[in-house]
Each structure stands twice: as structure tokens, then as C-alpha cells.
Amino acid sequence: MLSVEHLRMYRHLLREINRQFTRVNGNRAWASQLRLHWHCSSDTNDPQQQELTAAKNVLSYLANSRKYKELLAEFNPKMSEGDRIKKTANRVGLETPNTY
């Protein structure tokens, strides 16, 4: 029987997968793969603690990769190479020479 913590982790994983993959592009493969693994893992010889640790790692990776993408889009808008070099130089107190 799965503990409450295992069920909570399963729900968190499903929620994060739905946020990143299923809702964005309709790809249900991730969610179905998680369900398949979660239901088939009950007959393995591994202790439940190892499974819970692996699930926490996956959840942490998914959540942090989503946050990274959001921060990257917010703070690193697409700009030309010249603008990027100018802004980088200005951050450290330098000026770029004028090019013609």
C-alpha cells in the first residue's frame, strides 16, 4: 500500500507534467508513461523510499526547468548580438567602440 507521501508526490508529478507538456502541446505521452511506471513499480523489489526519492528528483527537475524557462524569457529577451555585447559591457562599466 502506498503511503500518503507517495500519493502526494504522484499528484505533484502529474500536475507538473500537465503544466509543461500536456497543456502546452497536447503530448499525453509523459503522463501516460508516469502512470505506467507508477502502477508497474508496485511489484519491484526496490524499497519505496528509493522510488520516492527518484520521484522527488524528477519533480524538482521539472519544476526548476520550467522556472528557468520563465526567467530566461523574462530577463533575456531576444536581442541582436551587438545589443547584447553593449549591454554586457555596460554592466561591467565599459563602453563599446562605435562601428561603422
PDB file of N, CA and C in Angstrom:
ATOM      1  N   MET A   1       0.843  -1.177   0.000  1.00  0.00           N
ATOM      2  CA  MET A   1       0.000   0.000   0.000  1.00  0.00           C
ATOM      3  C   MET A   1       0.889   1.241   0.000  1.00  0.00           C
ATOM      4  N   LEU A   2       0.526   2.202  -0.825  1.00  0.00           N
ATOM      5  CA  LEU A   2       1.305   3.423  -0.926  1.00  0.00           C
ATOM      6  C   LEU A   2       0.949   4.373   0.207  1.00  0.00           C
ATOM      7  N   SER A   3       1.951   5.059   0.686  1.00  0.00           N
ATOM      8  CA  SER A   3       1.723   5.997   1.772  1.00  0.00           C
ATOM      9  C   SER A   3       1.128   7.292   1.224  1.00  0.00           C
ATOM     10  N   VAL A   4       0.707   8.135   2.135  1.00  0.00           N
ATOM     11  CA  VAL A   4       0.136   9.433   1.757  1.00  0.00           C
ATOM     12  C   VAL A   4       1.185  10.275   1.047  1.00  0.00           C
ATOM     13  N   GLU A   5       2.436  10.178   1.501  1.00  0.00           N
ATOM     14  CA  GLU A   5       3.506  10.952   0.872  1.00  0.00           C
ATOM     15  C   GLU A   5       3.738  10.501  -0.574  1.00  0.00           C
ATOM     16  N   HIS A   6       3.631   9.201  -0.829  1.00  0.00           N
ATOM     17  CA  HIS A   6       3.781   8.699  -2.193  1.00  0.00           C
ATOM     18  C   HIS A   6       2.654   9.210  -3.092  1.00  0.00           C
ATOM     19  N   LEU A   7       1.446   9.181  -2.589  1.00  0.00           N
ATOM     20  CA  LEU A   7       0.317   9.665  -3.387  1.00  0.00           C
ATOM     21  C   LEU A   7       0.423  11.161  -3.647  1.00  0.00           C
ATOM     22  N   ARG A   8       0.881  11.902  -2.652  1.00  0.00           N
ATOM     23  CA  ARG A   8       1.066  13.344  -2.822  1.00  0.00           C
ATOM     24  C   ARG A   8       2.121  13.625  -3.889  1.00  0.00           C
ATOM     25  N   MET A   9       3.216  12.871  -3.855  1.00  0.00           N
ATOM     26  CA  MET A   9       4.277  13.043  -4.844  1.00  0.00           C
ATOM     27  C   MET A   9       3.774  12.689  -6.243  1.00  0.00           C
ATOM     28  N   TYR A  10       2.979  11.649  -6.347  1.00  0.00           N
ATOM     29  CA  TYR A  10       2.400  11.253  -7.636  1.00  0.00           C
ATOM     30  C   TYR A  10       1.527  12.374  -8.197  1.00  0.00           C
ATOM     31  N   ARG A  11       0.705  12.969  -7.358  1.00  0.00           N
ATOM     32  CA  ARG A  11      -0.152  14.070  -7.819  1.00  0.00           C
ATOM     33  C   ARG A  11       0.678  15.279  -8.230  1.00  0.00           C
ATOM     34  N   HIS A  12       1.735  15.598  -7.477  1.00  0.00           N
ATOM     35  CA  HIS A  12       2.608  16.720  -7.840  1.00  0.00           C
ATOM     36  C   HIS A  12       3.282  16.469  -9.188  1.00  0.00           C
ATOM     37  N   LEU A  13       3.754  15.255  -9.385  1.00  0.00           N
ATOM     38  CA  LEU A  13       4.386  14.923 -10.663  1.00  0.00           C
ATOM     39  C   LEU A  13       3.406  15.054 -11.821  1.00  0.00           C
ATOM     40  N   LEU A  14       2.209  14.516 -11.658  1.00  0.00           N
ATOM     41  CA  LEU A  14       1.209  14.629 -12.725  1.00  0.00           C
ATOM     42  C   LEU A  14       0.871  16.089 -13.015  1.00  0.00           C
ATOM     43  N   ARG A  15       0.733  16.880 -11.973  1.00  0.00           N
ATOM     44  CA  ARG A  15       0.406  18.298 -12.150  1.00  0.00           C
ATOM     45  C   ARG A  15       1.510  19.021 -12.915  1.00  0.00           C
ATOM     46  N   GLU A  16       2.765  18.761 -12.570  1.00  0.00           N
ATOM     47  CA  GLU A  16       3.888  19.416 -13.232  1.00  0.00           C
ATOM     48  C   GLU A  16       4.018  18.959 -14.685  1.00  0.00           C
ATOM     49  N   ILE A  17       3.806  17.681 -14.937  1.00  0.00           N
ATOM     50  CA  ILE A  17       3.853  17.181 -16.316  1.00  0.00           C
ATOM     51  C   ILE A  17       2.741  17.809 -17.140  1.00  0.00           C
ATOM     52  N   ASN A  18       1.561  17.934 -16.570  1.00  0.00           N
ATOM     53  CA  ASN A  18       0.461  18.562 -17.298  1.00  0.00           C
ATOM     54  C   ASN A  18       0.755  20.023 -17.599  1.00  0.00           C
ATOM     55  N   ARG A  19       1.377  20.742 -16.682  1.00  0.00           N
ATOM     56  CA  ARG A  19       1.706  22.151 -16.917  1.00  0.00           C
ATOM     57  C   ARG A  19       2.696  22.313 -18.058  1.00  0.00           C
ATOM     58  N   GLN A  20       3.689  21.436 -18.112  1.00  0.00           N
ATOM     59  CA  GLN A  20       4.770  21.630 -19.070  1.00  0.00           C
ATOM     60  C   GLN A  20       4.559  20.943 -20.410  1.00  0.00           C
ATOM     61  N   PHE A  21       3.893  19.809 -20.425  1.00  0.00           N
ATOM     62  CA  PHE A  21       3.836  19.043 -21.664  1.00  0.00           C
ATOM     63  C   PHE A  21       2.421  18.860 -22.201  1.00  0.00           C
ATOM     64  N   THR A  22       1.513  18.442 -21.367  1.00  0.00           N
ATOM     65  CA  THR A  22       0.183  18.095 -21.859  1.00  0.00           C
ATOM     66  C   THR A  22      -0.593  19.326 -22.296  1.00  0.00           C
ATOM     67  N   ARG A  23      -0.629  20.357 -21.474  1.00  0.00           N
ATOM     68  CA  ARG A  23      -1.386  21.564 -21.838  1.00  0.00           C
ATOM     69  C   ARG A  23      -0.731  22.337 -22.965  1.00  0.00           C
ATOM     70  N   VAL A  24       0.591  22.353 -23.001  1.00  0.00           N
ATOM     71  CA  VAL A  24       1.310  23.164 -23.981  1.00  0.00           C
ATOM     72  C   VAL A  24       1.148  22.618 -25.390  1.00  0.00           C
ATOM     73  N   ASN A  25       1.400  21.331 -25.574  1.00  0.00           N
ATOM     74  CA  ASN A  25       1.355  20.784 -26.929  1.00  0.00           C
ATOM     75  C   ASN A  25       0.496  19.532 -27.058  1.00  0.00           C
ATOM     76  N   GLY A  26      -0.279  19.232 -26.046  1.00  0.00           N
ATOM     77  CA  GLY A  26      -1.183  18.091 -26.128  1.00  0.00           C
ATOM     78  C   GLY A  26      -0.488  16.741 -26.082  1.00  0.00           C
ATOM     79  N   ASN A  27       0.758  16.710 -25.637  1.00  0.00           N
ATOM     80  CA  ASN A  27       1.527  15.473 -25.582  1.00  0.00           C
ATOM     81  C   ASN A  27       1.195  14.723 -24.294  1.00  0.00           C
ATOM     82  N   ARG A  28       0.409  13.680 -24.409  1.00  0.00           N
ATOM     83  CA  ARG A  28      -0.010  12.918 -23.238  1.00  0.00           C
ATOM     84  C   ARG A  28       0.942  11.761 -22.935  1.00  0.00           C
ATOM     85  N   ALA A  29       2.009  11.629 -23.707  1.00  0.00           N
ATOM     86  CA  ALA A  29       2.933  10.510 -23.526  1.00  0.00           C
ATOM     87  C   ALA A  29       3.627  10.557 -22.168  1.00  0.00           C
ATOM     88  N   TRP A  30       3.995  11.744 -21.715  1.00  0.00           N
ATOM     89  CA  TRP A  30       4.675  11.870 -20.422  1.00  0.00           C
ATOM     90  C   TRP A  30       3.775  11.395 -19.288  1.00  0.00           C
ATOM     91  N   ALA A  31       2.538  11.857 -19.289  1.00  0.00           N
ATOM     92  CA  ALA A  31       1.612  11.480 -18.215  1.00  0.00           C
ATOM     93  C   ALA A  31       1.318   9.981 -18.254  1.00  0.00           C
ATOM     94  N   SER A  32       1.122   9.440 -19.442  1.00  0.00           N
ATOM     95  CA  SER A  32       0.831   8.005 -19.527  1.00  0.00           C
ATOM     96  C   SER A  32       2.048   7.174 -19.122  1.00  0.00           C
ATOM     97  N   GLN A  33       3.238   7.649 -19.445  1.00  0.00           N
ATOM     98  CA  GLN A  33       4.457   6.939 -19.046  1.00  0.00           C
ATOM     99  C   GLN A  33       4.623   6.959 -17.526  1.00  0.00           C
ATOM    100  N   LEU A  34       4.308   8.097 -16.906  1.00  0.00           N
ATOM    101  CA  LEU A  34       4.379   8.172 -15.447  1.00  0.00           C
ATOM    102  C   LEU A  34       3.372   7.225 -14.808  1.00  0.00           C
ATOM    103  N   ARG A  35       2.151   7.220 -15.324  1.00  0.00           N
ATOM    104  CA  ARG A  35       1.130   6.317 -14.781  1.00  0.00           C
ATOM    105  C   ARG A  35       1.568   4.857 -14.914  1.00  0.00           C
ATOM    106  N   LEU A  36       2.092   4.510 -16.090  1.00  0.00           N
ATOM    107  CA  LEU A  36       2.541   3.144 -16.325  1.00  0.00           C
ATOM    108  C   LEU A  36       3.650   2.759 -15.349  1.00  0.00           C
ATOM    109  N   HIS A  37       4.623   3.628 -15.194  1.00  0.00           N
ATOM    110  CA  HIS A  37       5.732   3.343 -14.280  1.00  0.00           C
ATOM    111  C   HIS A  37       5.245   3.254 -12.841  1.00  0.00           C
ATOM    112  N   TRP A  38       4.368   4.159 -12.459  1.00  0.00           N
ATOM    113  CA  TRP A  38       3.903   4.202 -11.071  1.00  0.00           C
ATOM    114  C   TRP A  38       3.109   2.944 -10.716  1.00  0.00           C
ATOM    115  N   HIS A  39       2.273   2.492 -11.644  1.00  0.00           N
ATOM    116  CA  HIS A  39       1.451   1.319 -11.358  1.00  0.00           C
ATOM    117  C   HIS A  39       2.243   0.015 -11.471  1.00  0.00           C
ATOM    118  N   CYS A  40       3.224  -0.035 -12.355  1.00  0.00           N
ATOM    119  CA  CYS A  40       4.017  -1.253 -12.515  1.00  0.00           C
ATOM    120  C   CYS A  40       5.114  -1.370 -11.471  1.00  0.00           C
ATOM    121  N   SER A  41       5.465  -0.281 -10.829  1.00  0.00           N
ATOM    122  CA  SER A  41       6.574  -0.329  -9.874  1.00  0.00           C
ATOM    123  C   SER A  41       6.182  -0.965  -8.554  1.00  0.00           C
ATOM    124  N   SER A  42       4.906  -1.256  -8.367  1.00  0.00           N
ATOM    125  CA  SER A  42       4.492  -1.850  -7.095  1.00  0.00           C
ATOM    126  C   SER A  42       4.992  -3.284  -6.940  1.00  0.00           C
ATOM    127  N   ASP A  43       5.333  -3.948  -8.054  1.00  0.00           N
ATOM    128  CA  ASP A  43       5.801  -5.329  -7.943  1.00  0.00           C
ATOM    129  C   ASP A  43       7.323  -5.450  -8.024  1.00  0.00           C
ATOM    130  N   THR A  44       8.049  -4.351  -7.902  1.00  0.00           N
ATOM    131  CA  THR A  44       9.508  -4.403  -7.924  1.00  0.00           C
ATOM    132  C   THR A  44      10.044  -4.697  -6.533  1.00  0.00           C
ATOM    133  N   ASN A  45      11.306  -5.054  -6.464  1.00  0.00           N
ATOM    134  CA  ASN A  45      11.938  -5.370  -5.187  1.00  0.00           C
ATOM    135  C   ASN A  45      12.552  -4.145  -4.520  1.00  0.00           C
ATOM    136  N   ASP A  46      12.565  -2.997  -5.213  1.00  0.00           N
ATOM    137  CA  ASP A  46      13.151  -1.783  -4.642  1.00  0.00           C
ATOM    138  C   ASP A  46      12.293  -1.269  -3.503  1.00  0.00           C
ATOM    139  N   PRO A  47      12.924  -0.725  -2.474  1.00  0.00           N
ATOM    140  CA  PRO A  47      12.134  -0.153  -1.382  1.00  0.00           C
ATOM    141  C   PRO A  47      11.409   1.108  -1.832  1.00  0.00           C
ATOM    142  N   GLN A  48      10.335   1.413  -1.171  1.00  0.00           N
ATOM    143  CA  GLN A  48       9.526   2.569  -1.541  1.00  0.00           C
ATOM    144  C   GLN A  48      10.284   3.874  -1.353  1.00  0.00           C
ATOM    145  N   GLN A  49      11.208   3.904  -0.441  1.00  0.00           N
ATOM    146  CA  GLN A  49      11.948   5.139  -0.203  1.00  0.00           C
ATOM    147  C   GLN A  49      12.783   5.521  -1.411  1.00  0.00           C
ATOM    148  N   GLN A  50      13.366   4.562  -2.103  1.00  0.00           N
ATOM    149  CA  GLN A  50      14.135   4.859  -3.308  1.00  0.00           C
ATOM    150  C   GLN A  50      13.231   5.422  -4.394  1.00  0.00           C
ATOM    151  N   GLU A  51      12.058   4.868  -4.520  1.00  0.00           N
ATOM    152  CA  GLU A  51      11.105   5.358  -5.513  1.00  0.00           C
ATOM    153  C   GLU A  51      10.664   6.781  -5.183  1.00  0.00           C
ATOM    154  N   LEU A  52      10.423   7.046  -3.922  1.00  0.00           N
ATOM    155  CA  LEU A  52      10.015   8.382  -3.508  1.00  0.00           C
ATOM    156  C   LEU A  52      11.129   9.391  -3.761  1.00  0.00           C
ATOM    157  N   THR A  53      12.356   9.016  -3.487  1.00  0.00           N
ATOM    158  CA  THR A  53      13.488   9.902  -3.743  1.00  0.00           C
ATOM    159  C   THR A  53      13.625  10.186  -5.234  1.00  0.00           C
ATOM    160  N   ALA A  54      13.471   9.175  -6.056  1.00  0.00           N
ATOM    161  CA  ALA A  54      13.540   9.372  -7.506  1.00  0.00           C
ATOM    162  C   ALA A  54      12.416  10.283  -7.984  1.00  0.00           C
ATOM    163  N   ALA A  55      11.231  10.119  -7.437  1.00  0.00           N
ATOM    164  CA  ALA A  55      10.105  10.970  -7.818  1.00  0.00           C
ATOM    165  C   ALA A  55      10.352  12.410  -7.394  1.00  0.00           C
ATOM    166  N   LYS A  56      10.925  12.611  -6.228  1.00  0.00           N
ATOM    167  CA  LYS A  56      11.251  13.972  -5.782  1.00  0.00           C
ATOM    168  C   LYS A  56      12.271  14.614  -6.707  1.00  0.00           C
ATOM    169  N   ASN A  57      13.252  13.833  -7.149  1.00  0.00           N
ATOM    170  CA  ASN A  57      14.255  14.357  -8.069  1.00  0.00           C
ATOM    171  C   ASN A  57      13.635  14.764  -9.399  1.00  0.00           C
ATOM    172  N   VAL A  58      12.757  13.939  -9.923  1.00  0.00           N
ATOM    173  CA  VAL A  58      12.092  14.256 -11.190  1.00  0.00           C
ATOM    174  C   VAL A  58      11.234  15.505 -11.036  1.00  0.00           C
ATOM    175  N   LEU A  59      10.490  15.589  -9.952  1.00  0.00           N
ATOM    176  CA  LEU A  59       9.650  16.753  -9.710  1.00  0.00           C
ATOM    177  C   LEU A  59      10.489  18.014  -9.590  1.00  0.00           C
ATOM    178  N   SER A  60      11.574  17.936  -8.868  1.00  0.00           N
ATOM    179  CA  SER A  60      12.457  19.088  -8.716  1.00  0.00           C
ATOM    180  C   SER A  60      13.024  19.519 -10.065  1.00  0.00           C
ATOM    181  N   TYR A  61      13.446  18.564 -10.873  1.00  0.00           N
ATOM    182  CA  TYR A  61      13.976  18.884 -12.197  1.00  0.00           C
ATOM    183  C   TYR A  61      12.923  19.555 -13.073  1.00  0.00           C
ATOM    184  N   LEU A  62      11.726  18.997 -13.112  1.00  0.00           N
ATOM    185  CA  LEU A  62      10.673  19.558 -13.956  1.00  0.00           C
ATOM    186  C   LEU A  62      10.281  20.961 -13.506  1.00  0.00           C
ATOM    187  N   ALA A  63      10.094  21.144 -12.218  1.00  0.00           N
ATOM    188  CA  ALA A  63       9.690  22.454 -11.706  1.00  0.00           C
ATOM    189  C   ALA A  63      10.779  23.492 -11.952  1.00  0.00           C
ATOM    190  N   ASN A  64      12.024  23.138 -11.706  1.00  0.00           N
ATOM    191  CA  ASN A  64      13.108  24.099 -11.885  1.00  0.00           C
ATOM    192  C   ASN A  64      13.394  24.384 -13.348  1.00  0.00           C
ATOM    193  N   SER A  65      13.214  23.414 -14.224  1.00  0.00           N
ATOM    194  CA  SER A  65      13.410  23.693 -15.647  1.00  0.00           C
ATOM    195  C   SER A  65      12.324  24.629 -16.165  1.00  0.00           C
ATOM    196  N   ARG A  66      11.090  24.481 -15.652  1.00  0.00           N
ATOM    197  CA  ARG A  66      10.023  25.404 -16.039  1.00  0.00           C
ATOM    198  C   ARG A  66      10.326  26.806 -15.537  1.00  0.00           C
ATOM    199  N   LYS A  67      10.770  26.935 -14.296  1.00  0.00           N
ATOM    200  CA  LYS A  67      11.118  28.250 -13.742  1.00  0.00           C
ATOM    201  C   LYS A  67      12.275  28.870 -14.512  1.00  0.00           C
ATOM    202  N   TYR A  68      13.249  28.058 -14.905  1.00  0.00           N
ATOM    203  CA  TYR A  68      14.376  28.552 -15.683  1.00  0.00           C
ATOM    204  C   TYR A  68      13.910  29.128 -17.017  1.00  0.00           C
ATOM    205  N   LYS A  69      13.013  28.420 -17.690  1.00  0.00           N
ATOM    206  CA  LYS A  69      12.496  28.910 -18.968  1.00  0.00           C
ATOM    207  C   LYS A  69      11.747  30.224 -18.792  1.00  0.00           C
ATOM    208  N   GLU A  70      10.951  30.327 -17.722  1.00  0.00           N
ATOM    209  CA  GLU A  70      10.213  31.558 -17.460  1.00  0.00           C
ATOM    210  C   GLU A  70      11.168  32.714 -17.188  1.00  0.00           C
ATOM    211  N   LEU A  71      12.182  32.487 -16.360  1.00  0.00           N
ATOM    212  CA  LEU A  71      13.148  33.538 -16.050  1.00  0.00           C
ATOM    213  C   LEU A  71      13.966  33.921 -17.274  1.00  0.00           C
ATOM    214  N   LEU A  72      14.337  32.954 -18.066  1.00  0.00           N
ATOM    215  CA  LEU A  72      15.101  33.231 -19.275  1.00  0.00           C
ATOM    216  C   LEU A  72      14.294  34.095 -20.234  1.00  0.00           C
ATOM    217  N   ALA A  73      13.017  33.790 -20.385  1.00  0.00           N
ATOM    218  CA  ALA A  73      12.170  34.585 -21.274  1.00  0.00           C
ATOM    219  C   ALA A  73      11.960  35.987 -20.723  1.00  0.00           C
ATOM    220  N   GLU A  74      11.875  36.119 -19.407  1.00  0.00           N
ATOM    221  CA  GLU A  74      11.614  37.428 -18.805  1.00  0.00           C
ATOM    222  C   GLU A  74      12.843  38.329 -18.805  1.00  0.00           C
ATOM    223  N   PHE A  75      13.991  37.788 -18.450  1.00  0.00           N
ATOM    224  CA  PHE A  75      15.178  38.608 -18.268  1.00  0.00           C
ATOM    225  C   PHE A  75      16.167  38.556 -19.419  1.00  0.00           C
ATOM    226  N   ASN A  76      15.947  37.734 -20.393  1.00  0.00           N
ATOM    227  CA  ASN A  76      16.857  37.644 -21.522  1.00  0.00           C
ATOM    228  C   ASN A  76      16.052  37.681 -22.818  1.00  0.00           C
ATOM    229  N   PRO A  77      15.441  38.829 -23.094  1.00  0.00           N
ATOM    230  CA  PRO A  77      14.654  38.902 -24.328  1.00  0.00           C
ATOM    231  C   PRO A  77      15.571  38.778 -25.537  1.00  0.00           C
ATOM    232  N   LYS A  78      14.990  38.360 -26.620  1.00  0.00           N
ATOM    233  CA  LYS A  78      15.783  38.199 -27.836  1.00  0.00           C
ATOM    234  C   LYS A  78      16.256  39.568 -28.305  1.00  0.00           C
ATOM    235  N   MET A  79      17.553  39.685 -28.487  1.00  0.00           N
ATOM    236  CA  MET A  79      18.136  40.931 -28.969  1.00  0.00           C
ATOM    237  C   MET A  79      19.283  40.589 -29.899  1.00  0.00           C
ATOM    238  N   SER A  80      19.704  41.587 -30.642  1.00  0.00           N
ATOM    239  CA  SER A  80      20.779  41.353 -31.598  1.00  0.00           C
ATOM    240  C   SER A  80      22.104  41.148 -30.863  1.00  0.00           C
ATOM    241  N   GLU A  81      23.057  40.612 -31.573  1.00  0.00           N
ATOM    242  CA  GLU A  81      24.371  40.346 -30.980  1.00  0.00           C
ATOM    243  C   GLU A  81      25.037  41.639 -30.516  1.00  0.00           C
ATOM    244  N   GLY A  82      24.910  42.692 -31.304  1.00  0.00           N
ATOM    245  CA  GLY A  82      25.504  43.977 -30.932  1.00  0.00           C
ATOM    246  C   GLY A  82      24.892  44.556 -29.671  1.00  0.00           C
ATOM    247  N   ASP A  83      23.567  44.491 -29.569  1.00  0.00           N
ATOM    248  CA  ASP A  83      22.905  44.985 -28.357  1.00  0.00           C
ATOM    249  C   ASP A  83      23.322  44.175 -27.137  1.00  0.00           C
ATOM    250  N   ARG A  84      23.435  42.881 -27.301  1.00  0.00           N
ATOM    251  CA  ARG A  84      23.830  42.028 -26.187  1.00  0.00           C
ATOM    252  C   ARG A  84      25.240  42.372 -25.717  1.00  0.00           C
ATOM    253  N   ILE A  85      26.152  42.606 -26.653  1.00  0.00           N
ATOM    254  CA  ILE A  85      27.529  42.958 -26.296  1.00  0.00           C
ATOM    255  C   ILE A  85      27.567  44.312 -25.600  1.00  0.00           C
ATOM    256  N   LYS A  86      26.798  45.287 -26.115  1.00  0.00           N
ATOM    257  CA  LYS A  86      26.754  46.611 -25.481  1.00  0.00           C
ATOM    258  C   LYS A  86      26.239  46.525 -24.051  1.00  0.00           C
ATOM    259  N   LYS A  87      25.157  45.804 -23.851  1.00  0.00           N
ATOM    260  CA  LYS A  87      24.586  45.691 -22.507  1.00  0.00           C
ATOM    261  C   LYS A  87      25.531  44.960 -21.565  1.00  0.00           C
ATOM    262  N   THR A  88      26.211  43.945 -22.072  1.00  0.00           N
ATOM    263  CA  THR A  88      27.171  43.225 -21.237  1.00  0.00           C
ATOM    264  C   THR A  88      28.328  44.134 -20.845  1.00  0.00           C
ATOM    265  N   ALA A  89      28.827  44.914 -21.789  1.00  0.00           N
ATOM    266  CA  ALA A  89      29.918  45.844 -21.489  1.00  0.00           C
ATOM    267  C   ALA A  89      29.467  46.909 -20.494  1.00  0.00           C
ATOM    268  N   ASN A  90      28.266  47.421 -20.649  1.00  0.00           N
ATOM    269  CA  ASN A  90      27.761  48.442 -19.730  1.00  0.00           C
ATOM    270  C   ASN A  90      27.607  47.903 -18.314  1.00  0.00           C
ATOM    271  N   ARG A  91      27.286  46.645 -18.170  1.00  0.00           N
ATOM    272  CA  ARG A  91      27.131  46.057 -16.829  1.00  0.00           C
ATOM    273  C   ARG A  91      28.431  46.088 -16.039  1.00  0.00           C
ATOM    274  N   VAL A  92      29.545  45.973 -16.733  1.00  0.00           N
ATOM    275  CA  VAL A  92      30.833  45.964 -16.042  1.00  0.00           C
ATOM    276  C   VAL A  92      31.553  47.303 -16.143  1.00  0.00           C
ATOM    277  N   GLY A  93      30.866  48.325 -16.648  1.00  0.00           N
ATOM    278  CA  GLY A  93      31.426  49.672 -16.671  1.00  0.00           C
ATOM    279  C   GLY A  93      32.284  49.993 -17.875  1.00  0.00           C
ATOM    280  N   LEU A  94      32.129  49.272 -18.948  1.00  0.00           N
ATOM    281  CA  LEU A  94      32.889  49.541 -20.167  1.00  0.00           C
ATOM    282  C   LEU A  94      31.967  50.085 -21.246  1.00  0.00           C
ATOM    283  N   GLU A  95      32.587  50.712 -22.237  1.00  0.00           N
ATOM    284  CA  GLU A  95      31.829  51.178 -23.395  1.00  0.00           C
ATOM    285  C   GLU A  95      32.401  50.506 -24.632  1.00  0.00           C
ATOM    286  N   THR A  96      31.529  50.176 -25.543  1.00  0.00           N
ATOM    287  CA  THR A  96      31.987  49.566 -26.788  1.00  0.00           C
ATOM    288  C   THR A  96      32.292  50.665 -27.793  1.00  0.00           C
ATOM    289  N   PRO A  97      33.278  50.455 -28.641  1.00  0.00           N
ATOM    290  CA  PRO A  97      33.597  51.470 -29.652  1.00  0.00           C
ATOM    291  C   PRO A  97      32.501  51.526 -30.715  1.00  0.00           C
ATOM    292  N   ASN A  98      32.345  52.684 -31.304  1.00  0.00           N
ATOM    293  CA  ASN A  98      31.370  52.841 -32.389  1.00  0.00           C
ATOM    294  C   ASN A  98      31.913  52.155 -33.636  1.00  0.00           C
ATOM    295  N   THR A  99      31.090  51.371 -34.262  1.00  0.00           N
ATOM    296  CA  THR A  99      31.485  50.705 -35.504  1.00  0.00           C
ATOM    297  C   THR A  99      30.651  51.273 -36.635  1.00  0.00           C
ATOM    298  N   TYR A 100      31.292  51.396 -37.778  1.00  0.00           N
ATOM    299  CA  TYR A 100      30.590  51.962 -38.938  1.00  0.00           C
ATOM    300  C   TYR A 100      30.420  50.940 -40.008  1.00  0.00           C
TER     301      TYR A 100
END
